[in-house]
Amino acid sequence: MEKKRLFILSVIVWGLAVLPIFSQKNFFGFESVKLGNETYNLSWSAKMKNGRVLEEFLRPKDDLRKYEKKVILERSVEGKSIENELNSELAKLALMKEQSIVFNFSQLESSNPDELWLEYTQGNVQGGTPFLMEWNFCRYKNVDGRVVLFRYRHRAYDTKEESFMKKVEKNRKEWLEKLTSFQIPELKEK
């Protein structure tokens, strides 16, 4: 029970630290990104209290409340390393795994020496049945003394864990090829 309280407290503190100080569109100067043969349009962006800037991109048929695919571009404050950012994310995922929110996670071997890669699957289980399953792939890269994070999310709603994992396993190689060939933009504020 104490771990659960500590986890909830850490989520609240983290949430207060990163809440947007204001939201606006287009911090980095582009309205869309192309990933494979799909275009993702800027749908939300924010500058956080901790100095981070992030932008979320969705396909035209998706929306923020319920989407199948999302691309997130995030830039950290100066002085962060990709190792620190990845280790922080791994620590959060380990806590979430204890709470059965994250099903698995692993650092992948990067074919790019300037990047670290992370893959994880998470879900929101209600009454024993996953309401939401999500596969995530992250690329961490140093750009001008800041960490740039490219995150891809692929979701399914009202599905069973094993059927979603079969879909991931079937498509994983193709998805990774597409995601690792994406040219991460520099993310300089305009």
N, C-alpha and C. Protein backbone atom coordinates (compact mmCIF):
# COMPACT_ATOMS: atom_id res chain seq x y z
N MET A 1 0.83 -1.20 0.00
CA MET A 1 0.00 0.00 0.00
C MET A 1 0.86 1.25 0.00
N GLU A 2 2.00 1.21 0.72
CA GLU A 2 2.89 2.37 0.79
C GLU A 2 3.46 2.71 -0.58
N LYS A 3 3.81 1.70 -1.40
CA LYS A 3 4.33 1.93 -2.75
C LYS A 3 3.28 2.63 -3.61
N LYS A 4 2.03 2.21 -3.43
CA LYS A 4 0.95 2.82 -4.22
C LYS A 4 0.79 4.29 -3.85
N ARG A 5 0.85 4.61 -2.56
CA ARG A 5 0.75 6.01 -2.13
C ARG A 5 1.92 6.82 -2.66
N LEU A 6 3.11 6.25 -2.59
CA LEU A 6 4.30 6.93 -3.10
C LEU A 6 4.18 7.18 -4.59
N PHE A 7 3.68 6.18 -5.32
CA PHE A 7 3.48 6.34 -6.76
C PHE A 7 2.49 7.46 -7.06
N ILE A 8 1.36 7.46 -6.38
CA ILE A 8 0.34 8.49 -6.61
C ILE A 8 0.89 9.87 -6.27
N LEU A 9 1.61 9.99 -5.16
CA LEU A 9 2.21 11.26 -4.78
C LEU A 9 3.22 11.71 -5.83
N SER A 10 4.04 10.80 -6.35
CA SER A 10 5.04 11.18 -7.36
C SER A 10 4.37 11.63 -8.64
N VAL A 11 3.26 10.99 -9.03
CA VAL A 11 2.52 11.40 -10.22
C VAL A 11 1.95 12.81 -10.03
N ILE A 12 1.41 13.10 -8.85
CA ILE A 12 0.86 14.43 -8.58
C ILE A 12 1.95 15.48 -8.63
N VAL A 13 3.08 15.22 -7.96
CA VAL A 13 4.19 16.18 -7.96
C VAL A 13 4.72 16.39 -9.36
N TRP A 14 4.91 15.30 -10.12
CA TRP A 14 5.39 15.40 -11.49
C TRP A 14 4.40 16.22 -12.32
N GLY A 15 3.11 15.96 -12.14
CA GLY A 15 2.08 16.68 -12.89
C GLY A 15 2.13 18.17 -12.62
N LEU A 16 2.32 18.55 -11.38
CA LEU A 16 2.39 19.98 -11.06
C LEU A 16 3.64 20.62 -11.65
N ALA A 17 4.71 19.87 -11.74
CA ALA A 17 5.97 20.41 -12.26
C ALA A 17 5.93 20.62 -13.76
N VAL A 18 5.14 19.81 -14.47
CA VAL A 18 5.16 19.90 -15.93
C VAL A 18 3.89 20.46 -16.55
N LEU A 19 2.95 20.88 -15.73
CA LEU A 19 1.74 21.46 -16.30
C LEU A 19 2.10 22.61 -17.23
N PRO A 20 1.37 22.75 -18.30
CA PRO A 20 1.67 23.85 -19.21
C PRO A 20 1.47 25.20 -18.53
N ILE A 21 2.42 26.12 -18.77
CA ILE A 21 2.21 27.47 -18.27
C ILE A 21 1.33 28.22 -19.26
N PHE A 22 1.40 27.82 -20.50
CA PHE A 22 0.44 28.28 -21.48
C PHE A 22 0.51 27.36 -22.68
N SER A 23 -0.59 27.29 -23.42
CA SER A 23 -0.63 26.47 -24.62
C SER A 23 -0.82 27.38 -25.82
N GLN A 24 -0.23 26.99 -26.89
CA GLN A 24 -0.41 27.69 -28.15
C GLN A 24 -0.07 26.70 -29.25
N LYS A 25 -0.31 27.08 -30.44
CA LYS A 25 0.03 26.24 -31.57
C LYS A 25 1.38 26.64 -32.13
N ASN A 26 2.12 25.64 -32.59
CA ASN A 26 3.26 25.86 -33.47
C ASN A 26 4.45 26.57 -32.85
N PHE A 27 5.04 26.03 -31.84
CA PHE A 27 6.26 26.58 -31.25
C PHE A 27 7.45 26.43 -32.19
N PHE A 28 7.49 25.32 -32.94
CA PHE A 28 8.66 24.99 -33.74
C PHE A 28 8.56 25.38 -35.20
N GLY A 29 7.41 25.88 -35.64
CA GLY A 29 7.30 26.43 -36.98
C GLY A 29 6.84 25.49 -38.06
N PHE A 30 6.33 24.31 -37.71
CA PHE A 30 5.76 23.47 -38.75
C PHE A 30 4.41 22.93 -38.29
N GLU A 31 3.50 22.83 -39.22
CA GLU A 31 2.12 22.46 -38.93
C GLU A 31 1.86 20.96 -39.03
N SER A 32 2.77 20.23 -39.68
CA SER A 32 2.56 18.80 -39.85
C SER A 32 3.89 18.07 -39.98
N VAL A 33 3.83 16.76 -39.77
CA VAL A 33 4.98 15.89 -40.01
C VAL A 33 4.49 14.72 -40.86
N LYS A 34 5.38 14.21 -41.68
CA LYS A 34 5.04 13.06 -42.53
C LYS A 34 5.81 11.86 -42.01
N LEU A 35 5.09 10.80 -41.74
CA LEU A 35 5.66 9.57 -41.22
C LEU A 35 5.21 8.45 -42.15
N GLY A 36 6.14 7.92 -42.92
CA GLY A 36 5.76 6.95 -43.94
C GLY A 36 4.85 7.62 -44.95
N ASN A 37 3.72 7.01 -45.22
CA ASN A 37 2.77 7.61 -46.17
C ASN A 37 1.63 8.36 -45.48
N GLU A 38 1.78 8.63 -44.17
CA GLU A 38 0.73 9.32 -43.42
C GLU A 38 1.20 10.70 -42.96
N THR A 39 0.29 11.65 -43.02
CA THR A 39 0.57 13.00 -42.53
C THR A 39 -0.11 13.18 -41.18
N TYR A 40 0.64 13.74 -40.25
CA TYR A 40 0.15 14.02 -38.89
C TYR A 40 0.15 15.54 -38.72
N ASN A 41 -1.01 16.08 -38.38
CA ASN A 41 -1.16 17.53 -38.22
C ASN A 41 -1.02 17.94 -36.76
N LEU A 42 -0.43 19.10 -36.55
CA LEU A 42 -0.28 19.63 -35.20
C LEU A 42 -1.65 19.77 -34.55
N SER A 43 -1.81 19.16 -33.37
CA SER A 43 -3.12 19.20 -32.71
C SER A 43 -3.05 19.87 -31.34
N TRP A 44 -1.87 19.88 -30.72
CA TRP A 44 -1.74 20.50 -29.40
C TRP A 44 -0.28 20.75 -29.14
N SER A 45 0.01 21.84 -28.47
CA SER A 45 1.40 22.11 -28.09
C SER A 45 1.40 22.93 -26.81
N ALA A 46 2.52 22.86 -26.09
CA ALA A 46 2.60 23.58 -24.83
C ALA A 46 4.05 23.79 -24.43
N LYS A 47 4.24 24.87 -23.68
CA LYS A 47 5.51 25.09 -22.99
C LYS A 47 5.22 24.83 -21.52
N MET A 48 5.97 23.90 -20.92
CA MET A 48 5.71 23.47 -19.56
C MET A 48 6.43 24.35 -18.55
N LYS A 49 5.98 24.28 -17.31
CA LYS A 49 6.61 25.05 -16.23
C LYS A 49 8.07 24.68 -16.05
N ASN A 50 8.43 23.44 -16.36
CA ASN A 50 9.81 23.00 -16.19
C ASN A 50 10.69 23.35 -17.40
N GLY A 51 10.15 24.11 -18.36
CA GLY A 51 10.93 24.56 -19.51
C GLY A 51 10.83 23.68 -20.74
N ARG A 52 10.22 22.54 -20.61
CA ARG A 52 10.06 21.66 -21.77
C ARG A 52 9.04 22.24 -22.74
N VAL A 53 9.23 21.92 -24.00
CA VAL A 53 8.27 22.30 -25.04
C VAL A 53 7.86 21.02 -25.74
N LEU A 54 6.55 20.83 -25.92
CA LEU A 54 6.11 19.64 -26.64
C LEU A 54 4.99 19.97 -27.60
N GLU A 55 4.96 19.17 -28.66
CA GLU A 55 3.91 19.29 -29.66
C GLU A 55 3.42 17.90 -30.02
N GLU A 56 2.10 17.78 -30.15
CA GLU A 56 1.47 16.51 -30.49
C GLU A 56 0.83 16.61 -31.86
N PHE A 57 1.02 15.56 -32.65
CA PHE A 57 0.52 15.52 -34.03
C PHE A 57 -0.37 14.29 -34.21
N LEU A 58 -1.51 14.50 -34.85
CA LEU A 58 -2.47 13.42 -35.12
C LEU A 58 -2.82 13.38 -36.60
N ARG A 59 -3.24 12.22 -37.04
CA ARG A 59 -3.77 12.10 -38.40
C ARG A 59 -5.13 12.81 -38.45
N PRO A 60 -5.56 13.26 -39.61
CA PRO A 60 -6.86 13.96 -39.70
C PRO A 60 -8.05 13.15 -39.17
N LYS A 61 -8.01 11.82 -39.26
CA LYS A 61 -9.15 11.01 -38.80
C LYS A 61 -9.14 10.75 -37.30
N ASP A 62 -8.08 11.16 -36.59
CA ASP A 62 -7.98 10.96 -35.14
C ASP A 62 -8.25 12.28 -34.41
N ASP A 63 -8.56 12.18 -33.11
CA ASP A 63 -8.61 13.38 -32.27
C ASP A 63 -7.97 13.08 -30.92
N LEU A 64 -7.71 14.11 -30.14
CA LEU A 64 -6.96 13.95 -28.89
C LEU A 64 -7.65 13.04 -27.88
N ARG A 65 -8.97 13.01 -27.89
CA ARG A 65 -9.69 12.19 -26.91
C ARG A 65 -9.61 10.71 -27.23
N LYS A 66 -9.59 10.39 -28.51
CA LYS A 66 -9.55 8.98 -28.91
C LYS A 66 -8.85 8.90 -30.26
N TYR A 67 -7.66 8.36 -30.23
CA TYR A 67 -6.87 8.28 -31.46
C TYR A 67 -6.24 6.90 -31.58
N GLU A 68 -5.85 6.56 -32.81
CA GLU A 68 -5.15 5.31 -33.03
C GLU A 68 -3.65 5.55 -33.05
N LYS A 69 -3.20 6.65 -33.69
CA LYS A 69 -1.78 6.92 -33.83
C LYS A 69 -1.49 8.38 -33.48
N LYS A 70 -0.35 8.58 -32.82
CA LYS A 70 0.06 9.94 -32.44
C LYS A 70 1.58 10.04 -32.51
N VAL A 71 2.04 11.21 -32.95
CA VAL A 71 3.47 11.54 -32.94
C VAL A 71 3.65 12.69 -31.97
N ILE A 72 4.63 12.56 -31.07
CA ILE A 72 4.93 13.62 -30.11
C ILE A 72 6.39 14.03 -30.29
N LEU A 73 6.61 15.33 -30.40
CA LEU A 73 7.96 15.89 -30.45
C LEU A 73 8.13 16.74 -29.21
N GLU A 74 9.22 16.51 -28.48
CA GLU A 74 9.44 17.20 -27.21
C GLU A 74 10.90 17.64 -27.13
N ARG A 75 11.10 18.83 -26.58
CA ARG A 75 12.46 19.34 -26.38
C ARG A 75 12.64 19.68 -24.91
N SER A 76 13.74 19.18 -24.32
CA SER A 76 14.01 19.41 -22.90
C SER A 76 14.68 20.76 -22.68
N VAL A 77 14.91 21.07 -21.44
CA VAL A 77 15.69 22.27 -21.08
C VAL A 77 17.16 21.98 -21.34
N GLU A 78 17.99 23.01 -21.34
CA GLU A 78 19.42 22.84 -21.57
C GLU A 78 20.06 22.05 -20.44
N GLY A 79 21.15 21.37 -20.77
CA GLY A 79 21.93 20.67 -19.76
C GLY A 79 21.50 19.25 -19.48
N LYS A 80 20.48 18.76 -20.10
CA LYS A 80 20.04 17.38 -19.91
C LYS A 80 20.80 16.47 -20.87
N SER A 81 21.00 15.23 -20.48
CA SER A 81 21.62 14.26 -21.38
C SER A 81 20.58 13.23 -21.78
N ILE A 82 20.82 12.56 -22.90
CA ILE A 82 19.86 11.53 -23.31
C ILE A 82 19.86 10.38 -22.32
N GLU A 83 21.00 10.12 -21.69
CA GLU A 83 21.06 9.06 -20.69
C GLU A 83 20.19 9.40 -19.48
N ASN A 84 20.27 10.65 -19.01
CA ASN A 84 19.43 11.07 -17.87
C ASN A 84 17.95 11.01 -18.21
N GLU A 85 17.61 11.48 -19.39
CA GLU A 85 16.20 11.47 -19.81
C GLU A 85 15.68 10.04 -19.91
N LEU A 86 16.47 9.15 -20.52
CA LEU A 86 16.05 7.76 -20.65
C LEU A 86 15.94 7.09 -19.29
N ASN A 87 16.92 7.30 -18.41
CA ASN A 87 16.87 6.70 -17.08
C ASN A 87 15.67 7.19 -16.28
N SER A 88 15.32 8.45 -16.42
CA SER A 88 14.13 8.99 -15.75
C SER A 88 12.87 8.29 -16.27
N GLU A 89 12.79 8.12 -17.58
CA GLU A 89 11.62 7.44 -18.17
C GLU A 89 11.58 5.97 -17.73
N LEU A 90 12.72 5.31 -17.68
CA LEU A 90 12.76 3.92 -17.24
C LEU A 90 12.29 3.78 -15.79
N ALA A 91 12.68 4.72 -14.94
CA ALA A 91 12.24 4.69 -13.54
C ALA A 91 10.72 4.85 -13.44
N LYS A 92 10.15 5.77 -14.24
CA LYS A 92 8.69 5.94 -14.24
C LYS A 92 7.99 4.67 -14.73
N LEU A 93 8.54 4.07 -15.78
CA LEU A 93 7.94 2.86 -16.32
C LEU A 93 8.00 1.71 -15.32
N ALA A 94 9.09 1.61 -14.58
CA ALA A 94 9.22 0.56 -13.57
C ALA A 94 8.14 0.71 -12.49
N LEU A 95 7.89 1.96 -12.06
CA LEU A 95 6.81 2.20 -11.09
C LEU A 95 5.45 1.85 -11.67
N MET A 96 5.24 2.24 -12.93
CA MET A 96 3.97 1.95 -13.58
C MET A 96 3.77 0.44 -13.78
N LYS A 97 4.86 -0.29 -14.01
CA LYS A 97 4.76 -1.74 -14.16
C LYS A 97 4.30 -2.38 -12.85
N GLU A 98 4.79 -1.87 -11.72
CA GLU A 98 4.35 -2.38 -10.42
C GLU A 98 2.85 -2.19 -10.23
N GLN A 99 2.31 -1.16 -10.85
CA GLN A 99 0.88 -0.87 -10.73
C GLN A 99 0.06 -1.52 -11.85
N SER A 100 0.71 -2.35 -12.67
CA SER A 100 0.07 -3.05 -13.80
C SER A 100 -0.47 -2.09 -14.85
N ILE A 101 0.18 -0.95 -15.00
CA ILE A 101 -0.19 -0.01 -16.06
C ILE A 101 0.69 -0.25 -17.28
N VAL A 102 1.96 -0.54 -17.03
CA VAL A 102 2.89 -0.87 -18.10
C VAL A 102 3.10 -2.38 -18.09
N PHE A 103 2.99 -2.99 -19.26
CA PHE A 103 3.11 -4.44 -19.36
C PHE A 103 4.55 -4.87 -19.62
N ASN A 104 5.26 -4.13 -20.44
CA ASN A 104 6.67 -4.43 -20.67
C ASN A 104 7.37 -3.20 -21.22
N PHE A 105 8.67 -3.15 -21.03
CA PHE A 105 9.47 -2.07 -21.59
C PHE A 105 10.90 -2.54 -21.74
N SER A 106 11.59 -1.97 -22.73
CA SER A 106 12.99 -2.32 -22.93
C SER A 106 13.70 -1.24 -23.74
N GLN A 107 14.98 -1.09 -23.41
CA GLN A 107 15.83 -0.22 -24.20
C GLN A 107 16.31 -1.04 -25.39
N LEU A 108 16.18 -0.48 -26.59
CA LEU A 108 16.58 -1.20 -27.79
C LEU A 108 17.95 -0.74 -28.25
N GLU A 109 18.62 -1.60 -28.99
CA GLU A 109 19.90 -1.26 -29.60
C GLU A 109 19.63 -0.26 -30.72
N SER A 110 20.25 0.90 -30.64
CA SER A 110 20.05 1.95 -31.64
C SER A 110 21.06 1.79 -32.77
N SER A 111 20.58 1.89 -33.99
CA SER A 111 21.49 1.86 -35.14
C SER A 111 22.13 3.22 -35.37
N ASN A 112 21.68 4.22 -34.63
CA ASN A 112 22.24 5.56 -34.70
C ASN A 112 23.01 5.83 -33.41
N PRO A 113 24.33 6.04 -33.48
CA PRO A 113 25.12 6.21 -32.25
C PRO A 113 24.77 7.46 -31.44
N ASP A 114 24.05 8.40 -32.03
CA ASP A 114 23.67 9.63 -31.34
C ASP A 114 22.31 9.54 -30.65
N GLU A 115 21.71 8.36 -30.65
CA GLU A 115 20.37 8.20 -30.12
C GLU A 115 20.28 7.03 -29.15
N LEU A 116 19.30 7.12 -28.25
CA LEU A 116 18.89 6.00 -27.42
C LEU A 116 17.43 5.70 -27.74
N TRP A 117 17.07 4.42 -27.78
CA TRP A 117 15.72 4.01 -28.15
C TRP A 117 15.07 3.25 -27.00
N LEU A 118 13.77 3.44 -26.89
CA LEU A 118 12.97 2.79 -25.85
C LEU A 118 11.66 2.32 -26.46
N GLU A 119 11.24 1.13 -26.05
CA GLU A 119 9.96 0.58 -26.51
C GLU A 119 9.19 0.11 -25.28
N TYR A 120 7.89 0.40 -25.24
CA TYR A 120 7.08 -0.11 -24.13
C TYR A 120 5.62 -0.23 -24.52
N THR A 121 4.95 -1.12 -23.80
CA THR A 121 3.52 -1.33 -24.00
C THR A 121 2.83 -1.07 -22.67
N GLN A 122 1.74 -0.33 -22.73
CA GLN A 122 0.99 -0.02 -21.53
C GLN A 122 -0.49 -0.18 -21.80
N GLY A 123 -1.26 -0.20 -20.73
CA GLY A 123 -2.69 -0.35 -20.87
C GLY A 123 -3.43 0.19 -19.67
N ASN A 124 -4.67 0.46 -19.87
CA ASN A 124 -5.56 0.91 -18.80
C ASN A 124 -6.58 -0.20 -18.61
N VAL A 125 -6.45 -0.92 -17.52
CA VAL A 125 -7.30 -2.08 -17.27
C VAL A 125 -8.42 -1.68 -16.32
N GLN A 126 -9.64 -1.98 -16.72
CA GLN A 126 -10.80 -1.73 -15.87
C GLN A 126 -11.57 -3.02 -15.72
N GLY A 127 -11.69 -3.51 -14.51
CA GLY A 127 -12.45 -4.74 -14.27
C GLY A 127 -11.82 -5.96 -14.92
N GLY A 128 -10.50 -5.95 -15.10
CA GLY A 128 -9.81 -7.10 -15.66
C GLY A 128 -9.71 -7.09 -17.18
N THR A 129 -10.43 -6.21 -17.85
CA THR A 129 -10.36 -6.13 -19.31
C THR A 129 -9.70 -4.83 -19.71
N PRO A 130 -8.64 -4.90 -20.54
CA PRO A 130 -8.00 -3.64 -20.97
C PRO A 130 -8.97 -2.77 -21.77
N PHE A 131 -9.19 -1.57 -21.27
CA PHE A 131 -9.98 -0.59 -21.99
C PHE A 131 -9.12 0.02 -23.10
N LEU A 132 -7.83 0.13 -22.83
CA LEU A 132 -6.93 0.80 -23.75
C LEU A 132 -5.59 0.07 -23.73
N MET A 133 -5.05 -0.21 -24.89
CA MET A 133 -3.71 -0.77 -25.03
C MET A 133 -2.91 0.17 -25.93
N GLU A 134 -1.62 0.34 -25.60
CA GLU A 134 -0.82 1.31 -26.34
C GLU A 134 0.62 0.81 -26.47
N TRP A 135 1.13 0.82 -27.70
CA TRP A 135 2.54 0.50 -27.96
C TRP A 135 3.25 1.82 -28.23
N ASN A 136 4.40 2.02 -27.56
CA ASN A 136 5.16 3.26 -27.67
C ASN A 136 6.57 2.98 -28.13
N PHE A 137 7.08 3.87 -28.97
CA PHE A 137 8.48 3.82 -29.38
C PHE A 137 9.04 5.23 -29.24
N CYS A 138 10.20 5.34 -28.56
CA CYS A 138 10.81 6.64 -28.28
C CYS A 138 12.23 6.68 -28.81
N ARG A 139 12.59 7.82 -29.39
CA ARG A 139 13.97 8.07 -29.82
C ARG A 139 14.45 9.33 -29.10
N TYR A 140 15.52 9.19 -28.32
CA TYR A 140 16.12 10.31 -27.60
C TYR A 140 17.38 10.73 -28.34
N LYS A 141 17.53 12.05 -28.58
CA LYS A 141 18.66 12.54 -29.35
C LYS A 141 19.11 13.88 -28.78
N ASN A 142 20.43 14.10 -28.69
CA ASN A 142 20.97 15.41 -28.26
C ASN A 142 21.03 16.33 -29.47
N VAL A 143 20.46 17.54 -29.30
CA VAL A 143 20.53 18.56 -30.34
C VAL A 143 20.82 19.89 -29.67
N ASP A 144 21.99 20.46 -29.94
CA ASP A 144 22.38 21.76 -29.40
C ASP A 144 22.24 21.83 -27.88
N GLY A 145 22.72 20.82 -27.17
CA GLY A 145 22.71 20.84 -25.71
C GLY A 145 21.37 20.55 -25.07
N ARG A 146 20.40 20.13 -25.85
CA ARG A 146 19.08 19.76 -25.34
C ARG A 146 18.73 18.37 -25.84
N VAL A 147 17.84 17.72 -25.13
CA VAL A 147 17.38 16.42 -25.59
C VAL A 147 16.09 16.62 -26.38
N VAL A 148 16.07 16.02 -27.55
CA VAL A 148 14.87 16.00 -28.37
C VAL A 148 14.33 14.59 -28.31
N LEU A 149 13.04 14.49 -28.03
CA LEU A 149 12.38 13.20 -27.93
C LEU A 149 11.34 13.09 -29.04
N PHE A 150 11.45 12.03 -29.81
CA PHE A 150 10.44 11.66 -30.80
C PHE A 150 9.73 10.45 -30.24
N ARG A 151 8.41 10.56 -30.01
CA ARG A 151 7.64 9.46 -29.44
C ARG A 151 6.48 9.14 -30.39
N TYR A 152 6.29 7.85 -30.62
CA TYR A 152 5.18 7.38 -31.45
C TYR A 152 4.30 6.49 -30.58
N ARG A 153 2.99 6.70 -30.67
CA ARG A 153 2.03 5.89 -29.93
C ARG A 153 1.04 5.25 -30.90
N HIS A 154 0.81 3.97 -30.68
CA HIS A 154 -0.18 3.24 -31.47
C HIS A 154 -1.15 2.61 -30.49
N ARG A 155 -2.43 2.99 -30.57
CA ARG A 155 -3.43 2.58 -29.59
C ARG A 155 -4.49 1.68 -30.18
N ALA A 156 -5.11 0.93 -29.27
CA ALA A 156 -6.33 0.17 -29.58
C ALA A 156 -7.22 0.25 -28.35
N TYR A 157 -8.52 0.38 -28.57
CA TYR A 157 -9.49 0.50 -27.49
C TYR A 157 -10.34 -0.75 -27.40
N ASP A 158 -10.79 -1.05 -26.19
CA ASP A 158 -11.69 -2.19 -25.95
C ASP A 158 -11.17 -3.47 -26.60
N THR A 159 -9.94 -3.80 -26.29
CA THR A 159 -9.30 -4.97 -26.88
C THR A 159 -8.67 -5.83 -25.80
N LYS A 160 -8.38 -7.05 -26.14
CA LYS A 160 -7.70 -7.95 -25.21
C LYS A 160 -6.19 -7.76 -25.37
N GLU A 161 -5.49 -7.92 -24.26
CA GLU A 161 -4.04 -7.74 -24.27
C GLU A 161 -3.37 -8.65 -25.30
N GLU A 162 -3.74 -9.92 -25.32
CA GLU A 162 -3.04 -10.84 -26.21
C GLU A 162 -3.32 -10.55 -27.68
N SER A 163 -4.53 -10.12 -28.04
CA SER A 163 -4.80 -9.79 -29.46
C SER A 163 -4.05 -8.52 -29.87
N PHE A 164 -3.95 -7.56 -28.95
CA PHE A 164 -3.18 -6.35 -29.26
C PHE A 164 -1.70 -6.70 -29.42
N MET A 165 -1.17 -7.53 -28.54
CA MET A 165 0.25 -7.90 -28.62
C MET A 165 0.55 -8.70 -29.89
N LYS A 166 -0.40 -9.50 -30.36
CA LYS A 166 -0.22 -10.21 -31.64
C LYS A 166 -0.13 -9.20 -32.79
N LYS A 167 -0.97 -8.17 -32.73
CA LYS A 167 -0.93 -7.13 -33.77
C LYS A 167 0.42 -6.41 -33.74
N VAL A 168 0.90 -6.08 -32.55
CA VAL A 168 2.19 -5.41 -32.42
C VAL A 168 3.29 -6.30 -32.99
N GLU A 169 3.31 -7.56 -32.59
CA GLU A 169 4.36 -8.48 -33.04
C GLU A 169 4.33 -8.63 -34.56
N LYS A 170 3.14 -8.70 -35.14
CA LYS A 170 3.00 -8.85 -36.59
C LYS A 170 3.54 -7.62 -37.33
N ASN A 171 3.32 -6.42 -36.79
CA ASN A 171 3.66 -5.18 -37.48
C ASN A 171 4.93 -4.50 -36.98
N ARG A 172 5.50 -4.99 -35.90
CA ARG A 172 6.60 -4.31 -35.21
C ARG A 172 7.78 -3.99 -36.13
N LYS A 173 8.23 -4.94 -36.91
CA LYS A 173 9.39 -4.71 -37.79
C LYS A 173 9.11 -3.57 -38.77
N GLU A 174 7.96 -3.59 -39.39
CA GLU A 174 7.57 -2.53 -40.34
C GLU A 174 7.48 -1.18 -39.63
N TRP A 175 6.86 -1.16 -38.45
CA TRP A 175 6.74 0.09 -37.69
C TRP A 175 8.11 0.63 -37.33
N LEU A 176 9.00 -0.25 -36.84
CA LEU A 176 10.34 0.21 -36.44
C LEU A 176 11.13 0.76 -37.62
N GLU A 177 11.02 0.13 -38.78
CA GLU A 177 11.70 0.65 -39.97
C GLU A 177 11.22 2.05 -40.30
N LYS A 178 9.91 2.25 -40.25
CA LYS A 178 9.33 3.56 -40.54
C LYS A 178 9.75 4.59 -39.49
N LEU A 179 9.71 4.21 -38.23
CA LEU A 179 10.00 5.15 -37.14
C LEU A 179 11.48 5.50 -37.04
N THR A 180 12.35 4.56 -37.31
CA THR A 180 13.78 4.83 -37.21
C THR A 180 14.32 5.56 -38.44
N SER A 181 13.59 5.54 -39.54
CA SER A 181 14.02 6.29 -40.73
C SER A 181 13.49 7.72 -40.73
N PHE A 182 12.58 8.04 -39.82
CA PHE A 182 12.04 9.40 -39.72
C PHE A 182 13.16 10.38 -39.35
N GLN A 183 13.26 11.47 -40.08
CA GLN A 183 14.26 12.50 -39.80
C GLN A 183 13.72 13.42 -38.71
N ILE A 184 14.30 13.32 -37.50
CA ILE A 184 13.84 14.14 -36.38
C ILE A 184 14.23 15.58 -36.65
N PRO A 185 13.27 16.52 -36.62
CA PRO A 185 13.62 17.93 -36.84
C PRO A 185 14.41 18.51 -35.67
N GLU A 186 15.06 19.63 -35.89
CA GLU A 186 15.90 20.25 -34.86
C GLU A 186 15.10 20.80 -33.69
N LEU A 187 13.89 21.19 -33.87
CA LEU A 187 13.00 21.71 -32.82
C LEU A 187 13.55 22.97 -32.18
N LYS A 188 13.80 23.97 -32.98
CA LYS A 188 14.18 25.27 -32.45
C LYS A 188 12.93 26.13 -32.41
N GLU A 189 12.74 26.85 -31.30
CA GLU A 189 11.55 27.69 -31.20
C GLU A 189 11.64 28.83 -32.19
N LYS A 190 10.52 29.09 -32.85
CA LYS A 190 10.50 30.20 -33.82
C LYS A 190 10.26 31.51 -33.14
